[in-house]
Amino acid sequence: MRILLILIALAIIVMLVKRMWLPPRTGSQPDKRLPGEMVRCGHCGIYLPEQEAVRDGDRYFCSKEHLDADHGNS
């Protein structure tokens, strides 16, 4: 019985020492990534994240259809 109490006391001491030496854990935090730079569609003017846009040179479009429509107007 005495050995069991000593083992429990040692386990508690080890846990306390670990908490003092190790930095606190950061739990699962919500993802706070930003969508990136917003760009404007060259056809309809809507803003959307750059990684979702269709790029044509230095211009951006919200869809392939608007890219094609813009090329049809030129």
PDB file of N, CA and C in Angstrom:
ATOM      1  N   MET A   1       0.831  -1.200   0.000  1.00  0.00           N
ATOM      2  CA  MET A   1       0.000   0.000   0.000  1.00  0.00           C
ATOM      3  C   MET A   1       0.864   1.246   0.000  1.00  0.00           C
ATOM      4  N   ARG A   2       1.944   1.224   0.784  1.00  0.00           N
ATOM      5  CA  ARG A   2       2.848   2.369   0.874  1.00  0.00           C
ATOM      6  C   ARG A   2       3.516   2.634  -0.485  1.00  0.00           C
ATOM      7  N   ILE A   3       3.878   1.572  -1.191  1.00  0.00           N
ATOM      8  CA  ILE A   3       4.534   1.729  -2.501  1.00  0.00           C
ATOM      9  C   ILE A   3       3.557   2.372  -3.498  1.00  0.00           C
ATOM     10  N   LEU A   4       2.310   1.998  -3.437  1.00  0.00           N
ATOM     11  CA  LEU A   4       1.294   2.576  -4.320  1.00  0.00           C
ATOM     12  C   LEU A   4       1.145   4.077  -4.073  1.00  0.00           C
ATOM     13  N   LEU A   5       1.128   4.495  -2.834  1.00  0.00           N
ATOM     14  CA  LEU A   5       1.026   5.918  -2.507  1.00  0.00           C
ATOM     15  C   LEU A   5       2.263   6.683  -2.980  1.00  0.00           C
ATOM     16  N   ILE A   6       3.430   6.069  -2.847  1.00  0.00           N
ATOM     17  CA  ILE A   6       4.669   6.717  -3.315  1.00  0.00           C
ATOM     18  C   ILE A   6       4.636   6.866  -4.833  1.00  0.00           C
ATOM     19  N   LEU A   7       4.182   5.839  -5.550  1.00  0.00           N
ATOM     20  CA  LEU A   7       4.090   5.912  -7.016  1.00  0.00           C
ATOM     21  C   LEU A   7       3.097   6.991  -7.460  1.00  0.00           C
ATOM     22  N   ILE A   8       1.986   7.092  -6.780  1.00  0.00           N
ATOM     23  CA  ILE A   8       0.998   8.126  -7.116  1.00  0.00           C
ATOM     24  C   ILE A   8       1.576   9.510  -6.853  1.00  0.00           C
ATOM     25  N   ALA A   9       2.274   9.677  -5.737  1.00  0.00           N
ATOM     26  CA  ALA A   9       2.897  10.964  -5.411  1.00  0.00           C
ATOM     27  C   ALA A   9       3.950  11.327  -6.450  1.00  0.00           C
ATOM     28  N   LEU A  10       4.755  10.360  -6.867  1.00  0.00           N
ATOM     29  CA  LEU A  10       5.768  10.621  -7.903  1.00  0.00           C
ATOM     30  C   LEU A  10       5.113  11.001  -9.233  1.00  0.00           C
ATOM     31  N   ALA A  11       4.034  10.329  -9.581  1.00  0.00           N
ATOM     32  CA  ALA A  11       3.340  10.651 -10.828  1.00  0.00           C
ATOM     33  C   ALA A  11       2.793  12.077 -10.797  1.00  0.00           C
ATOM     34  N   ILE A  12       2.260  12.487  -9.669  1.00  0.00           N
ATOM     35  CA  ILE A  12       1.744  13.854  -9.537  1.00  0.00           C
ATOM     36  C   ILE A  12       2.888  14.858  -9.625  1.00  0.00           C
ATOM     37  N   ILE A  13       4.007  14.567  -8.995  1.00  0.00           N
ATOM     38  CA  ILE A  13       5.169  15.471  -9.059  1.00  0.00           C
ATOM     39  C   ILE A  13       5.669  15.584 -10.486  1.00  0.00           C
ATOM     40  N   VAL A  14       5.758  14.465 -11.187  1.00  0.00           N
ATOM     41  CA  VAL A  14       6.221  14.494 -12.586  1.00  0.00           C
ATOM     42  C   VAL A  14       5.272  15.328 -13.436  1.00  0.00           C
ATOM     43  N   MET A  15       3.971  15.174 -13.264  1.00  0.00           N
ATOM     44  CA  MET A  15       3.000  15.960 -14.042  1.00  0.00           C
ATOM     45  C   MET A  15       3.138  17.450 -13.741  1.00  0.00           C
ATOM     46  N   LEU A  16       3.328  17.804 -12.490  1.00  0.00           N
ATOM     47  CA  LEU A  16       3.478  19.218 -12.131  1.00  0.00           C
ATOM     48  C   LEU A  16       4.754  19.805 -12.709  1.00  0.00           C
ATOM     49  N   VAL A  17       5.845  19.054 -12.661  1.00  0.00           N
ATOM     50  CA  VAL A  17       7.114  19.536 -13.221  1.00  0.00           C
ATOM     51  C   VAL A  17       6.981  19.716 -14.732  1.00  0.00           C
ATOM     52  N   LYS A  18       6.304  18.770 -15.403  1.00  0.00           N
ATOM     53  CA  LYS A  18       6.097  18.898 -16.850  1.00  0.00           C
ATOM     54  C   LYS A  18       5.317  20.167 -17.186  1.00  0.00           C
ATOM     55  N   ARG A  19       4.295  20.446 -16.412  1.00  0.00           N
ATOM     56  CA  ARG A  19       3.483  21.646 -16.668  1.00  0.00           C
ATOM     57  C   ARG A  19       4.295  22.913 -16.479  1.00  0.00           C
ATOM     58  N   MET A  20       5.220  22.894 -15.546  1.00  0.00           N
ATOM     59  CA  MET A  20       6.028  24.089 -15.288  1.00  0.00           C
ATOM     60  C   MET A  20       7.058  24.304 -16.389  1.00  0.00           C
ATOM     61  N   TRP A  21       7.606  23.231 -16.947  1.00  0.00           N
ATOM     62  CA  TRP A  21       8.677  23.355 -17.930  1.00  0.00           C
ATOM     63  C   TRP A  21       8.179  23.475 -19.360  1.00  0.00           C
ATOM     64  N   LEU A  22       7.101  22.809 -19.695  1.00  0.00           N
ATOM     65  CA  LEU A  22       6.603  22.833 -21.063  1.00  0.00           C
ATOM     66  C   LEU A  22       5.628  23.987 -21.255  1.00  0.00           C
ATOM     67  N   PRO A  23       5.630  24.600 -22.445  1.00  0.00           N
ATOM     68  CA  PRO A  23       4.651  25.663 -22.699  1.00  0.00           C
ATOM     69  C   PRO A  23       3.249  25.063 -22.754  1.00  0.00           C
ATOM     70  N   PRO A  24       2.243  25.862 -22.459  1.00  0.00           N
ATOM     71  CA  PRO A  24       0.874  25.333 -22.499  1.00  0.00           C
ATOM     72  C   PRO A  24       0.487  24.928 -23.916  1.00  0.00           C
ATOM     73  N   ARG A  25      -0.307  23.887 -24.003  1.00  0.00           N
ATOM     74  CA  ARG A  25      -0.780  23.411 -25.307  1.00  0.00           C
ATOM     75  C   ARG A  25      -1.800  24.381 -25.865  1.00  0.00           C
ATOM     76  N   THR A  26      -1.715  24.577 -27.146  1.00  0.00           N
ATOM     77  CA  THR A  26      -2.770  25.342 -27.804  1.00  0.00           C
ATOM     78  C   THR A  26      -3.743  24.321 -28.345  1.00  0.00           C
ATOM     79  N   GLY A  27      -4.933  24.319 -27.826  1.00  0.00           N
ATOM     80  CA  GLY A  27      -5.949  23.351 -28.240  1.00  0.00           C
ATOM     81  C   GLY A  27      -6.347  23.574 -29.680  1.00  0.00           C
ATOM     82  N   SER A  28      -7.313  22.858 -30.111  1.00  0.00           N
ATOM     83  CA  SER A  28      -7.757  23.030 -31.493  1.00  0.00           C
ATOM     84  C   SER A  28      -8.442  24.386 -31.622  1.00  0.00           C
ATOM     85  N   GLN A  29      -7.756  25.282 -32.294  1.00  0.00           N
ATOM     86  CA  GLN A  29      -8.286  26.625 -32.507  1.00  0.00           C
ATOM     87  C   GLN A  29      -8.926  26.683 -33.881  1.00  0.00           C
ATOM     88  N   PRO A  30      -9.915  27.524 -34.041  1.00  0.00           N
ATOM     89  CA  PRO A  30     -10.546  27.633 -35.354  1.00  0.00           C
ATOM     90  C   PRO A  30      -9.546  28.135 -36.391  1.00  0.00           C
ATOM     91  N   ASP A  31      -9.725  27.678 -37.604  1.00  0.00           N
ATOM     92  CA  ASP A  31      -8.841  28.068 -38.695  1.00  0.00           C
ATOM     93  C   ASP A  31      -9.094  29.535 -39.037  1.00  0.00           C
ATOM     94  N   LYS A  32      -8.064  30.350 -38.926  1.00  0.00           N
ATOM     95  CA  LYS A  32      -8.227  31.787 -39.150  1.00  0.00           C
ATOM     96  C   LYS A  32      -7.513  32.240 -40.421  1.00  0.00           C
ATOM     97  N   ARG A  33      -7.446  31.344 -41.408  1.00  0.00           N
ATOM     98  CA  ARG A  33      -6.800  31.740 -42.654  1.00  0.00           C
ATOM     99  C   ARG A  33      -7.669  32.750 -43.391  1.00  0.00           C
ATOM    100  N   LEU A  34      -7.038  33.717 -43.957  1.00  0.00           N
ATOM    101  CA  LEU A  34      -7.751  34.708 -44.752  1.00  0.00           C
ATOM    102  C   LEU A  34      -7.922  34.169 -46.165  1.00  0.00           C
ATOM    103  N   PRO A  35      -8.941  34.591 -46.871  1.00  0.00           N
ATOM    104  CA  PRO A  35      -9.181  34.053 -48.204  1.00  0.00           C
ATOM    105  C   PRO A  35      -8.156  34.509 -49.237  1.00  0.00           C
ATOM    106  N   GLY A  36      -7.293  35.433 -48.906  1.00  0.00           N
ATOM    107  CA  GLY A  36      -6.322  35.934 -49.861  1.00  0.00           C
ATOM    108  C   GLY A  36      -6.768  37.270 -50.425  1.00  0.00           C
ATOM    109  N   GLU A  37      -6.045  37.718 -51.400  1.00  0.00           N
ATOM    110  CA  GLU A  37      -6.365  39.005 -52.007  1.00  0.00           C
ATOM    111  C   GLU A  37      -7.650  38.899 -52.824  1.00  0.00           C
ATOM    112  N   MET A  38      -8.474  39.913 -52.712  1.00  0.00           N
ATOM    113  CA  MET A  38      -9.720  39.940 -53.472  1.00  0.00           C
ATOM    114  C   MET A  38      -9.461  40.633 -54.806  1.00  0.00           C
ATOM    115  N   VAL A  39     -10.007  40.064 -55.867  1.00  0.00           N
ATOM    116  CA  VAL A  39      -9.867  40.634 -57.207  1.00  0.00           C
ATOM    117  C   VAL A  39     -11.259  40.844 -57.792  1.00  0.00           C
ATOM    118  N   ARG A  40     -11.327  41.684 -58.801  1.00  0.00           N
ATOM    119  CA  ARG A  40     -12.616  42.029 -59.408  1.00  0.00           C
ATOM    120  C   ARG A  40     -12.727  41.389 -60.786  1.00  0.00           C
ATOM    121  N   CYS A  41     -13.890  40.815 -61.047  1.00  0.00           N
ATOM    122  CA  CYS A  41     -14.160  40.223 -62.358  1.00  0.00           C
ATOM    123  C   CYS A  41     -14.166  41.325 -63.405  1.00  0.00           C
ATOM    124  N   GLY A  42     -13.434  41.110 -64.492  1.00  0.00           N
ATOM    125  CA  GLY A  42     -13.362  42.097 -65.562  1.00  0.00           C
ATOM    126  C   GLY A  42     -14.631  42.205 -66.380  1.00  0.00           C
ATOM    127  N   HIS A  43     -15.581  41.308 -66.175  1.00  0.00           N
ATOM    128  CA  HIS A  43     -16.818  41.338 -66.954  1.00  0.00           C
ATOM    129  C   HIS A  43     -17.997  41.874 -66.142  1.00  0.00           C
ATOM    130  N   CYS A  44     -18.243  41.268 -64.959  1.00  0.00           N
ATOM    131  CA  CYS A  44     -19.432  41.676 -64.190  1.00  0.00           C
ATOM    132  C   CYS A  44     -19.095  42.550 -62.989  1.00  0.00           C
ATOM    133  N   GLY A  45     -17.832  42.615 -62.584  1.00  0.00           N
ATOM    134  CA  GLY A  45     -17.433  43.499 -61.501  1.00  0.00           C
ATOM    135  C   GLY A  45     -17.519  42.908 -60.108  1.00  0.00           C
ATOM    136  N   ILE A  46     -17.905  41.643 -59.986  1.00  0.00           N
ATOM    137  CA  ILE A  46     -18.003  41.029 -58.662  1.00  0.00           C
ATOM    138  C   ILE A  46     -16.591  40.786 -58.105  1.00  0.00           C
ATOM    139  N   TYR A  47     -16.447  40.889 -56.786  1.00  0.00           N
ATOM    140  CA  TYR A  47     -15.169  40.613 -56.134  1.00  0.00           C
ATOM    141  C   TYR A  47     -15.162  39.176 -55.640  1.00  0.00           C
ATOM    142  N   LEU A  48     -14.013  38.513 -55.798  1.00  0.00           N
ATOM    143  CA  LEU A  48     -13.851  37.146 -55.340  1.00  0.00           C
ATOM    144  C   LEU A  48     -12.394  36.913 -54.969  1.00  0.00           C
ATOM    145  N   PRO A  49     -12.118  35.875 -54.157  1.00  0.00           N
ATOM    146  CA  PRO A  49     -10.733  35.586 -53.791  1.00  0.00           C
ATOM    147  C   PRO A  49      -9.905  35.256 -55.027  1.00  0.00           C
ATOM    148  N   GLU A  50      -8.675  35.716 -55.045  1.00  0.00           N
ATOM    149  CA  GLU A  50      -7.806  35.536 -56.206  1.00  0.00           C
ATOM    150  C   GLU A  50      -7.643  34.071 -56.584  1.00  0.00           C
ATOM    151  N   GLN A  51      -7.547  33.172 -55.587  1.00  0.00           N
ATOM    152  CA  GLN A  51      -7.330  31.761 -55.907  1.00  0.00           C
ATOM    153  C   GLN A  51      -8.559  31.103 -56.529  1.00  0.00           C
ATOM    154  N   GLU A  52      -9.725  31.732 -56.456  1.00  0.00           N
ATOM    155  CA  GLU A  52     -10.931  31.193 -57.092  1.00  0.00           C
ATOM    156  C   GLU A  52     -11.176  31.804 -58.464  1.00  0.00           C
ATOM    157  N   ALA A  53     -10.432  32.830 -58.804  1.00  0.00           N
ATOM    158  CA  ALA A  53     -10.672  33.559 -60.048  1.00  0.00           C
ATOM    159  C   ALA A  53      -9.988  32.873 -61.229  1.00  0.00           C
ATOM    160  N   VAL A  54     -10.529  33.126 -62.428  1.00  0.00           N
ATOM    161  CA  VAL A  54      -9.910  32.693 -63.679  1.00  0.00           C
ATOM    162  C   VAL A  54      -9.059  33.862 -64.146  1.00  0.00           C
ATOM    163  N   ARG A  55      -7.772  33.602 -64.361  1.00  0.00           N
ATOM    164  CA  ARG A  55      -6.849  34.686 -64.704  1.00  0.00           C
ATOM    165  C   ARG A  55      -6.552  34.672 -66.194  1.00  0.00           C
ATOM    166  N   ASP A  56      -6.510  35.871 -66.758  1.00  0.00           N
ATOM    167  CA  ASP A  56      -6.135  36.052 -68.155  1.00  0.00           C
ATOM    168  C   ASP A  56      -5.173  37.227 -68.208  1.00  0.00           C
ATOM    169  N   GLY A  57      -3.881  36.938 -68.181  1.00  0.00           N
ATOM    170  CA  GLY A  57      -2.879  38.006 -68.133  1.00  0.00           C
ATOM    171  C   GLY A  57      -2.956  38.712 -66.799  1.00  0.00           C
ATOM    172  N   ASP A  58      -3.231  40.011 -66.844  1.00  0.00           N
ATOM    173  CA  ASP A  58      -3.343  40.772 -65.598  1.00  0.00           C
ATOM    174  C   ASP A  58      -4.806  41.011 -65.213  1.00  0.00           C
ATOM    175  N   ARG A  59      -5.736  40.356 -65.889  1.00  0.00           N
ATOM    176  CA  ARG A  59      -7.157  40.505 -65.585  1.00  0.00           C
ATOM    177  C   ARG A  59      -7.709  39.232 -64.972  1.00  0.00           C
ATOM    178  N   TYR A  60      -8.746  39.384 -64.176  1.00  0.00           N
ATOM    179  CA  TYR A  60      -9.372  38.253 -63.488  1.00  0.00           C
ATOM    180  C   TYR A  60     -10.854  38.199 -63.842  1.00  0.00           C
ATOM    181  N   PHE A  61     -11.388  36.964 -63.837  1.00  0.00           N
ATOM    182  CA  PHE A  61     -12.801  36.761 -64.133  1.00  0.00           C
ATOM    183  C   PHE A  61     -13.367  35.759 -63.129  1.00  0.00           C
ATOM    184  N   CYS A  62     -14.671  35.870 -62.840  1.00  0.00           N
ATOM    185  CA  CYS A  62     -15.298  34.987 -61.855  1.00  0.00           C
ATOM    186  C   CYS A  62     -15.593  33.611 -62.435  1.00  0.00           C
ATOM    187  N   SER A  63     -15.616  33.483 -63.765  1.00  0.00           N
ATOM    188  CA  SER A  63     -15.889  32.184 -64.386  1.00  0.00           C
ATOM    189  C   SER A  63     -15.304  32.166 -65.792  1.00  0.00           C
ATOM    190  N   LYS A  64     -15.202  30.947 -66.342  1.00  0.00           N
ATOM    191  CA  LYS A  64     -14.719  30.805 -67.717  1.00  0.00           C
ATOM    192  C   LYS A  64     -15.699  31.439 -68.698  1.00  0.00           C
ATOM    193  N   GLU A  65     -16.981  31.390 -68.366  1.00  0.00           N
ATOM    194  CA  GLU A  65     -17.988  31.989 -69.244  1.00  0.00           C
ATOM    195  C   GLU A  65     -17.785  33.501 -69.375  1.00  0.00           C
ATOM    196  N   HIS A  66     -17.450  34.165 -68.260  1.00  0.00           N
ATOM    197  CA  HIS A  66     -17.216  35.610 -68.319  1.00  0.00           C
ATOM    198  C   HIS A  66     -15.913  35.926 -69.030  1.00  0.00           C
ATOM    199  N   LEU A  67     -14.926  35.056 -68.914  1.00  0.00           N
ATOM    200  CA  LEU A  67     -13.687  35.238 -69.687  1.00  0.00           C
ATOM    201  C   LEU A  67     -13.991  35.142 -71.170  1.00  0.00           C
ATOM    202  N   ASP A  68     -14.760  34.100 -71.557  1.00  0.00           N
ATOM    203  CA  ASP A  68     -15.117  33.937 -72.972  1.00  0.00           C
ATOM    204  C   ASP A  68     -15.982  35.100 -73.461  1.00  0.00           C
ATOM    205  N   ALA A  69     -16.931  35.564 -72.636  1.00  0.00           N
ATOM    206  CA  ALA A  69     -17.795  36.681 -73.033  1.00  0.00           C
ATOM    207  C   ALA A  69     -16.974  37.946 -73.222  1.00  0.00           C
ATOM    208  N   ASP A  70     -15.980  38.137 -72.385  1.00  0.00           N
ATOM    209  CA  ASP A  70     -15.135  39.322 -72.514  1.00  0.00           C
ATOM    210  C   ASP A  70     -14.293  39.268 -73.778  1.00  0.00           C
ATOM    211  N   HIS A  71     -13.811  38.085 -74.130  1.00  0.00           N
ATOM    212  CA  HIS A  71     -13.034  37.935 -75.367  1.00  0.00           C
ATOM    213  C   HIS A  71     -13.930  38.097 -76.600  1.00  0.00           C
ATOM    214  N   GLY A  72     -15.196  37.757 -76.469  1.00  0.00           N
ATOM    215  CA  GLY A  72     -16.140  37.922 -77.565  1.00  0.00           C
ATOM    216  C   GLY A  72     -16.458  39.388 -77.807  1.00  0.00           C
ATOM    217  N   ASN A  73     -16.374  40.241 -76.749  1.00  0.00           N
ATOM    218  CA  ASN A  73     -16.656  41.665 -76.887  1.00  0.00           C
ATOM    219  C   ASN A  73     -15.497  42.423 -77.486  1.00  0.00           C
ATOM    220  N   SER A  74     -14.297  41.843 -77.404  1.00  0.00           N
ATOM    221  CA  SER A  74     -13.108  42.581 -77.883  1.00  0.00           C
ATOM    222  C   SER A  74     -12.900  42.420 -79.350  1.00  0.00           C
TER     223      SER A  74
END
